[in-house]
Amino acid sequence: FACGLALLSLATHGARYLDFEHFK
């Protein structure tokens, strides 16, 4: 499960994020 999450994380290449106004 942890490896699968790591793959999903890598697949975003930093192009996806949660925007909390003052920080992401």
PDB file of all heavy atoms in Angstrom:
ATOM      1  N   PHE A   1       0.834  -1.202   0.000  1.00  0.00           N
ATOM      2  CA  PHE A   1       0.000   0.000   0.000  1.00  0.00           C
ATOM      3  C   PHE A   1       0.868   1.252   0.000  1.00  0.00           C
ATOM      4  O   PHE A   1       0.610   2.209  -0.748  1.00  0.00           O
ATOM      5  CB  PHE A   1      -0.929   0.000   1.218  1.00  0.00           C
ATOM      6  CG  PHE A   1      -1.988   1.074   1.173  1.00  0.00           C
ATOM      7  CD1 PHE A   1      -3.139   0.879   0.431  1.00  0.00           C
ATOM      8  CD2 PHE A   1      -1.825   2.268   1.862  1.00  0.00           C
ATOM      9  CE1 PHE A   1      -4.126   1.874   0.380  1.00  0.00           C
ATOM     10  CE2 PHE A   1      -2.797   3.257   1.812  1.00  0.00           C
ATOM     11  CZ  PHE A   1      -3.959   3.058   1.067  1.00  0.00           C
ATOM     12  N   ALA A   2       1.917   1.243   0.818  1.00  0.00           N
ATOM     13  CA  ALA A   2       2.830   2.386   0.879  1.00  0.00           C
ATOM     14  C   ALA A   2       3.541   2.588  -0.458  1.00  0.00           C
ATOM     15  O   ALA A   2       3.736   3.723  -0.909  1.00  0.00           O
ATOM     16  CB  ALA A   2       3.846   2.179   1.993  1.00  0.00           C
ATOM     17  N   CYS A   3       3.933   1.484  -1.100  1.00  0.00           N
ATOM     18  CA  CYS A   3       4.586   1.586  -2.409  1.00  0.00           C
ATOM     19  C   CYS A   3       3.631   2.158  -3.449  1.00  0.00           C
ATOM     20  O   CYS A   3       4.031   2.959  -4.302  1.00  0.00           O
ATOM     21  CB  CYS A   3       5.089   0.217  -2.857  1.00  0.00           C
ATOM     22  SG  CYS A   3       6.522  -0.391  -1.929  1.00  0.00           S
ATOM     23  N   GLY A   4       2.369   1.747  -3.397  1.00  0.00           N
ATOM     24  CA  GLY A   4       1.374   2.281  -4.318  1.00  0.00           C
ATOM     25  C   GLY A   4       1.181   3.775  -4.142  1.00  0.00           C
ATOM     26  O   GLY A   4       1.077   4.528  -5.113  1.00  0.00           O
ATOM     27  N   LEU A   5       1.152   4.228  -2.887  1.00  0.00           N
ATOM     28  CA  LEU A   5       1.028   5.663  -2.617  1.00  0.00           C
ATOM     29  C   LEU A   5       2.245   6.429  -3.135  1.00  0.00           C
ATOM     30  O   LEU A   5       2.115   7.542  -3.660  1.00  0.00           O
ATOM     31  CB  LEU A   5       0.867   5.908  -1.115  1.00  0.00           C
ATOM     32  CG  LEU A   5      -0.465   5.472  -0.492  1.00  0.00           C
ATOM     33  CD1 LEU A   5      -0.455   5.795   0.993  1.00  0.00           C
ATOM     34  CD2 LEU A   5      -1.641   6.164  -1.172  1.00  0.00           C
ATOM     35  N   ALA A   6       3.429   5.828  -2.980  1.00  0.00           N
ATOM     36  CA  ALA A   6       4.644   6.471  -3.489  1.00  0.00           C
ATOM     37  C   ALA A   6       4.572   6.640  -5.005  1.00  0.00           C
ATOM     38  O   ALA A   6       4.990   7.662  -5.551  1.00  0.00           O
ATOM     39  CB  ALA A   6       5.874   5.661  -3.099  1.00  0.00           C
ATOM     40  N   LEU A   7       4.028   5.635  -5.703  1.00  0.00           N
ATOM     41  CA  LEU A   7       3.873   5.736  -7.155  1.00  0.00           C
ATOM     42  C   LEU A   7       2.903   6.852  -7.533  1.00  0.00           C
ATOM     43  O   LEU A   7       3.154   7.622  -8.476  1.00  0.00           O
ATOM     44  CB  LEU A   7       3.380   4.413  -7.731  1.00  0.00           C
ATOM     45  CG  LEU A   7       4.394   3.284  -7.833  1.00  0.00           C
ATOM     46  CD1 LEU A   7       3.710   2.009  -8.316  1.00  0.00           C
ATOM     47  CD2 LEU A   7       5.534   3.655  -8.778  1.00  0.00           C
ATOM     48  N   LEU A   8       1.786   6.949  -6.821  1.00  0.00           N
ATOM     49  CA  LEU A   8       0.829   8.026  -7.089  1.00  0.00           C
ATOM     50  C   LEU A   8       1.471   9.388  -6.850  1.00  0.00           C
ATOM     51  O   LEU A   8       1.264  10.333  -7.617  1.00  0.00           O
ATOM     52  CB  LEU A   8      -0.403   7.868  -6.197  1.00  0.00           C
ATOM     53  CG  LEU A   8      -1.416   6.799  -6.603  1.00  0.00           C
ATOM     54  CD1 LEU A   8      -2.545   6.734  -5.591  1.00  0.00           C
ATOM     55  CD2 LEU A   8      -1.983   7.089  -7.992  1.00  0.00           C
ATOM     56  N   SER A   9       2.238   9.480  -5.784  1.00  0.00           N
ATOM     57  CA  SER A   9       2.944  10.721  -5.478  1.00  0.00           C
ATOM     58  C   SER A   9       3.877  11.091  -6.619  1.00  0.00           C
ATOM     59  O   SER A   9       3.890  12.230  -7.105  1.00  0.00           O
ATOM     60  CB  SER A   9       3.733  10.560  -4.172  1.00  0.00           C
ATOM     61  OG  SER A   9       4.564  11.673  -3.924  1.00  0.00           O
ATOM     62  N   LEU A  10       4.664  10.117  -7.081  1.00  0.00           N
ATOM     63  CA  LEU A  10       5.614  10.359  -8.159  1.00  0.00           C
ATOM     64  C   LEU A  10       4.902  10.739  -9.456  1.00  0.00           C
ATOM     65  O   LEU A  10       5.384  11.588 -10.218  1.00  0.00           O
ATOM     66  CB  LEU A  10       6.475   9.116  -8.369  1.00  0.00           C
ATOM     67  CG  LEU A  10       7.570   9.180  -9.427  1.00  0.00           C
ATOM     68  CD1 LEU A  10       8.572  10.280  -9.108  1.00  0.00           C
ATOM     69  CD2 LEU A  10       8.281   7.828  -9.546  1.00  0.00           C
ATOM     70  N   ALA A  11       3.750  10.133  -9.711  1.00  0.00           N
ATOM     71  CA  ALA A  11       3.024  10.369 -10.961  1.00  0.00           C
ATOM     72  C   ALA A  11       2.560  11.815 -11.098  1.00  0.00           C
ATOM     73  O   ALA A  11       2.369  12.306 -12.216  1.00  0.00           O
ATOM     74  CB  ALA A  11       1.826   9.430 -11.060  1.00  0.00           C
ATOM     75  N   THR A  12       2.376  12.522 -10.004  1.00  0.00           N
ATOM     76  CA  THR A  12       1.930  13.916 -10.085  1.00  0.00           C
ATOM     77  C   THR A  12       3.043  14.844 -10.561  1.00  0.00           C
ATOM     78  O   THR A  12       2.776  15.923 -11.086  1.00  0.00           O
ATOM     79  CB  THR A  12       1.436  14.431  -8.726  1.00  0.00           C
ATOM     80  OG1 THR A  12       2.530  14.589  -7.818  1.00  0.00           O
ATOM     81  CG2 THR A  12       0.391  13.503  -8.133  1.00  0.00           C
ATOM     82  N   HIS A  13       4.303  14.468 -10.332  1.00  0.00           N
ATOM     83  CA  HIS A  13       5.451  15.311 -10.674  1.00  0.00           C
ATOM     84  C   HIS A  13       5.285  16.733 -10.144  1.00  0.00           C
ATOM     85  O   HIS A  13       5.727  17.694 -10.772  1.00  0.00           O
ATOM     86  CB  HIS A  13       5.671  15.335 -12.191  1.00  0.00           C
ATOM     87  CG  HIS A  13       6.123  14.031 -12.742  1.00  0.00           C
ATOM     88  ND1 HIS A  13       5.443  13.367 -13.750  1.00  0.00           N
ATOM     89  CD2 HIS A  13       7.164  13.228 -12.423  1.00  0.00           C
ATOM     90  CE1 HIS A  13       6.054  12.223 -14.023  1.00  0.00           C
ATOM     91  NE2 HIS A  13       7.106  12.112 -13.224  1.00  0.00           N
ATOM     92  N   GLY A  14       4.634  16.836  -8.996  1.00  0.00           N
ATOM     93  CA  GLY A  14       4.489  18.146  -8.368  1.00  0.00           C
ATOM     94  C   GLY A  14       3.468  19.052  -9.015  1.00  0.00           C
ATOM     95  O   GLY A  14       3.363  20.231  -8.668  1.00  0.00           O
ATOM     96  N   ALA A  15       2.678  18.533  -9.962  1.00  0.00           N
ATOM     97  CA  ALA A  15       1.705  19.368 -10.668  1.00  0.00           C
ATOM     98  C   ALA A  15       0.346  19.401  -9.974  1.00  0.00           C
ATOM     99  O   ALA A  15      -0.545  20.126 -10.392  1.00  0.00           O
ATOM    100  CB  ALA A  15       1.523  18.860 -12.100  1.00  0.00           C
ATOM    101  N   ARG A  16       0.173  18.622  -8.909  1.00  0.00           N
ATOM    102  CA  ARG A  16      -1.078  18.593  -8.158  1.00  0.00           C
ATOM    103  C   ARG A  16      -0.798  18.945  -6.707  1.00  0.00           C
ATOM    104  O   ARG A  16       0.206  18.532  -6.144  1.00  0.00           O
ATOM    105  CB  ARG A  16      -1.730  17.204  -8.248  1.00  0.00           C
ATOM    106  CG  ARG A  16      -2.127  16.794  -9.659  1.00  0.00           C
ATOM    107  CD  ARG A  16      -3.266  17.648 -10.184  1.00  0.00           C
ATOM    108  NE  ARG A  16      -3.670  17.242 -11.532  1.00  0.00           N
ATOM    109  CZ  ARG A  16      -3.209  17.790 -12.645  1.00  0.00           C
ATOM    110  NH1 ARG A  16      -2.297  18.769 -12.550  1.00  0.00           N
ATOM    111  NH2 ARG A  16      -3.615  17.395 -13.825  1.00  0.00           N
ATOM    112  N   TYR A  17      -1.708  19.698  -6.125  1.00  0.00           N
ATOM    113  CA  TYR A  17      -1.518  20.113  -4.735  1.00  0.00           C
ATOM    114  C   TYR A  17      -2.864  20.562  -4.159  1.00  0.00           C
ATOM    115  O   TYR A  17      -3.833  20.802  -4.894  1.00  0.00           O
ATOM    116  CB  TYR A  17      -0.499  21.251  -4.634  1.00  0.00           C
ATOM    117  CG  TYR A  17      -0.802  22.451  -5.507  1.00  0.00           C
ATOM    118  CD1 TYR A  17      -1.680  23.449  -5.084  1.00  0.00           C
ATOM    119  CD2 TYR A  17      -0.224  22.579  -6.772  1.00  0.00           C
ATOM    120  CE1 TYR A  17      -1.971  24.537  -5.881  1.00  0.00           C
ATOM    121  CE2 TYR A  17      -0.502  23.662  -7.580  1.00  0.00           C
ATOM    122  CZ  TYR A  17      -1.385  24.646  -7.127  1.00  0.00           C
ATOM    123  OH  TYR A  17      -1.671  25.710  -7.932  1.00  0.00           O
ATOM    124  N   LEU A  18      -2.913  20.667  -2.841  1.00  0.00           N
ATOM    125  CA  LEU A  18      -4.074  21.226  -2.148  1.00  0.00           C
ATOM    126  C   LEU A  18      -3.756  22.676  -1.823  1.00  0.00           C
ATOM    127  O   LEU A  18      -2.722  22.974  -1.210  1.00  0.00           O
ATOM    128  CB  LEU A  18      -4.354  20.445  -0.856  1.00  0.00           C
ATOM    129  CG  LEU A  18      -4.756  18.976  -1.028  1.00  0.00           C
ATOM    130  CD1 LEU A  18      -4.916  18.312   0.340  1.00  0.00           C
ATOM    131  CD2 LEU A  18      -6.047  18.853  -1.828  1.00  0.00           C
ATOM    132  N   ASP A  19      -4.641  23.575  -2.234  1.00  0.00           N
ATOM    133  CA  ASP A  19      -4.404  25.011  -2.043  1.00  0.00           C
ATOM    134  C   ASP A  19      -5.126  25.491  -0.790  1.00  0.00           C
ATOM    135  O   ASP A  19      -6.351  25.467  -0.711  1.00  0.00           O
ATOM    136  CB  ASP A  19      -4.903  25.777  -3.270  1.00  0.00           C
ATOM    137  CG  ASP A  19      -4.387  27.216  -3.293  1.00  0.00           C
ATOM    138  OD1 ASP A  19      -3.936  27.704  -2.236  1.00  0.00           O
ATOM    139  OD2 ASP A  19      -4.434  27.839  -4.367  1.00  0.00           O
ATOM    140  N   PHE A  20      -4.358  25.925   0.198  1.00  0.00           N
ATOM    141  CA  PHE A  20      -4.909  26.446   1.439  1.00  0.00           C
ATOM    142  C   PHE A  20      -4.653  27.949   1.564  1.00  0.00           C
ATOM    143  O   PHE A  20      -4.364  28.454   2.650  1.00  0.00           O
ATOM    144  CB  PHE A  20      -4.306  25.700   2.635  1.00  0.00           C
ATOM    145  CG  PHE A  20      -4.787  24.291   2.765  1.00  0.00           C
ATOM    146  CD1 PHE A  20      -4.035  23.236   2.259  1.00  0.00           C
ATOM    147  CD2 PHE A  20      -5.997  24.000   3.367  1.00  0.00           C
ATOM    148  CE1 PHE A  20      -4.480  21.931   2.371  1.00  0.00           C
ATOM    149  CE2 PHE A  20      -6.450  22.695   3.490  1.00  0.00           C
ATOM    150  CZ  PHE A  20      -5.693  21.649   2.990  1.00  0.00           C
ATOM    151  N   GLU A  21      -4.779  28.635   0.434  1.00  0.00           N
ATOM    152  CA  GLU A  21      -4.624  30.088   0.374  1.00  0.00           C
ATOM    153  C   GLU A  21      -3.207  30.534   0.726  1.00  0.00           C
ATOM    154  O   GLU A  21      -2.447  30.949  -0.123  1.00  0.00           O
ATOM    155  CB  GLU A  21      -5.650  30.792   1.285  1.00  0.00           C
ATOM    156  CG  GLU A  21      -7.096  30.519   0.911  1.00  0.00           C
ATOM    157  CD  GLU A  21      -7.484  31.153  -0.414  1.00  0.00           C
ATOM    158  OE1 GLU A  21      -6.818  32.110  -0.843  1.00  0.00           O
ATOM    159  OE2 GLU A  21      -8.456  30.671  -1.020  1.00  0.00           O
ATOM    160  N   HIS A  22      -2.841  30.484   1.995  1.00  0.00           N
ATOM    161  CA  HIS A  22      -1.527  30.966   2.421  1.00  0.00           C
ATOM    162  C   HIS A  22      -0.411  29.954   2.147  1.00  0.00           C
ATOM    163  O   HIS A  22       0.762  30.287   2.228  1.00  0.00           O
ATOM    164  CB  HIS A  22      -1.528  31.324   3.913  1.00  0.00           C
ATOM    165  CG  HIS A  22      -2.411  32.493   4.225  1.00  0.00           C
ATOM    166  ND1 HIS A  22      -2.167  33.762   3.747  1.00  0.00           N
ATOM    167  CD2 HIS A  22      -3.548  32.585   4.953  1.00  0.00           C
ATOM    168  CE1 HIS A  22      -3.105  34.585   4.179  1.00  0.00           C
ATOM    169  NE2 HIS A  22      -3.961  33.895   4.908  1.00  0.00           N
ATOM    170  N   PHE A  23      -0.777  28.721   1.879  1.00  0.00           N
ATOM    171  CA  PHE A  23       0.238  27.705   1.576  1.00  0.00           C
ATOM    172  C   PHE A  23      -0.389  26.585   0.760  1.00  0.00           C
ATOM    173  O   PHE A  23      -1.609  26.444   0.693  1.00  0.00           O
ATOM    174  CB  PHE A  23       0.861  27.141   2.863  1.00  0.00           C
ATOM    175  CG  PHE A  23      -0.129  26.445   3.763  1.00  0.00           C
ATOM    176  CD1 PHE A  23      -0.325  25.076   3.669  1.00  0.00           C
ATOM    177  CD2 PHE A  23      -0.857  27.164   4.713  1.00  0.00           C
ATOM    178  CE1 PHE A  23      -1.233  24.423   4.496  1.00  0.00           C
ATOM    179  CE2 PHE A  23      -1.763  26.520   5.537  1.00  0.00           C
ATOM    180  CZ  PHE A  23      -1.950  25.164   5.435  1.00  0.00           C
ATOM    181  N   LYS A  24       0.470  25.805   0.131  1.00  0.00           N
ATOM    182  CA  LYS A  24       0.027  24.668  -0.675  1.00  0.00           C
ATOM    183  C   LYS A  24       0.637  23.388  -0.109  1.00  0.00           C
ATOM    184  O   LYS A  24       1.773  23.392   0.358  1.00  0.00           O
ATOM    185  CB  LYS A  24       0.448  24.840  -2.136  1.00  0.00           C
ATOM    186  CG  LYS A  24      -0.196  26.024  -2.851  1.00  0.00           C
ATOM    187  CD  LYS A  24       0.313  26.118  -4.274  1.00  0.00           C
ATOM    188  CE  LYS A  24      -0.403  27.214  -5.064  1.00  0.00           C
ATOM    189  NZ  LYS A  24      -0.122  28.569  -4.516  1.00  0.00           N
TER     190      LYS A  24
END
